[in-house]
Amino acid sequence: MTKILGGIMTVGGAIALVLGVLGAFGTMEMGSGTWPCIILGVIFFFAGVSIMKYQAQGNQES
């Protein structure tokens, strides 16, 4: 369950981060949602990677 959640958060964060960066540099028009998209993308990406890393460390110890 946590591996699936971590994967979804990582992929969703990466997508939001890419869309936010494209909006920030003018390649894509997002209106005023550019910076929140970048911030949430970074948060969700690192949270997903952290969950997956924690899950992998837990499997090795047991």
Protein backbone atom coordinates (compact mmCIF):
# COMPACT_ATOMS: atom_id res chain seq x y z
CA MET A 1 0.00 0.00 0.00
CA THR A 2 2.74 2.46 0.92
CA LYS A 3 4.73 1.54 -2.19
CA ILE A 4 1.71 2.39 -4.38
CA LEU A 5 1.10 5.64 -2.49
CA GLY A 6 4.76 6.59 -2.78
CA GLY A 7 4.76 5.86 -6.51
CA ILE A 8 1.62 7.91 -7.10
CA MET A 9 2.99 10.83 -5.09
CA THR A 10 6.34 10.69 -6.91
CA VAL A 11 4.78 10.60 -10.37
CA GLY A 12 2.19 13.26 -9.51
CA GLY A 13 4.85 15.50 -8.00
CA ALA A 14 7.07 15.11 -11.05
CA ILE A 15 4.19 15.99 -13.37
CA ALA A 16 3.24 19.04 -11.30
CA LEU A 17 6.88 20.13 -11.14
CA VAL A 18 7.34 19.87 -14.91
CA LEU A 19 4.10 21.75 -15.60
CA GLY A 20 5.05 24.44 -13.10
CA VAL A 21 8.52 24.92 -14.57
CA LEU A 22 7.11 25.08 -18.10
CA GLY A 23 4.61 27.68 -16.90
CA ALA A 24 7.30 29.70 -15.11
CA PHE A 25 9.47 29.99 -18.18
CA GLY A 26 6.60 30.96 -20.47
CA THR A 27 6.39 27.79 -22.55
CA MET A 28 2.92 27.00 -21.24
CA GLU A 29 0.23 29.40 -19.99
CA MET A 30 -1.08 28.40 -16.54
CA GLY A 31 -2.31 31.72 -15.24
CA SER A 32 -1.59 32.33 -11.57
CA GLY A 33 -1.12 28.63 -10.72
CA THR A 34 2.52 28.44 -11.74
CA TRP A 35 4.31 28.89 -8.41
CA PRO A 36 1.86 26.82 -6.34
CA CYS A 37 2.27 24.04 -8.91
CA ILE A 38 6.07 24.18 -8.56
CA ILE A 39 5.94 24.21 -4.76
CA LEU A 40 3.43 21.36 -4.51
CA GLY A 41 5.34 19.40 -7.14
CA VAL A 42 8.55 19.61 -5.10
CA ILE A 43 6.74 18.67 -1.88
CA PHE A 44 4.90 15.69 -3.36
CA PHE A 45 7.95 14.47 -5.30
CA PHE A 46 10.23 14.42 -2.26
CA ALA A 47 7.48 12.99 -0.03
CA GLY A 48 6.90 10.14 -2.49
CA VAL A 49 10.61 9.39 -2.80
CA SER A 50 10.92 9.45 0.98
CA ILE A 51 8.00 7.02 1.41
CA MET A 52 9.47 4.63 -1.15
CA LYS A 53 12.92 4.86 0.43
CA TYR A 54 11.51 4.22 3.91
CA GLN A 55 9.56 1.23 2.57
CA ALA A 56 12.71 -0.21 0.93
CA GLN A 57 14.71 0.17 4.16
CA GLY A 58 11.95 -1.51 6.16
CA ASN A 59 11.96 -4.53 3.84
CA GLN A 60 15.71 -5.07 4.27
CA GLU A 61 15.58 -5.09 8.05
CA SER A 62 12.82 -7.68 8.42
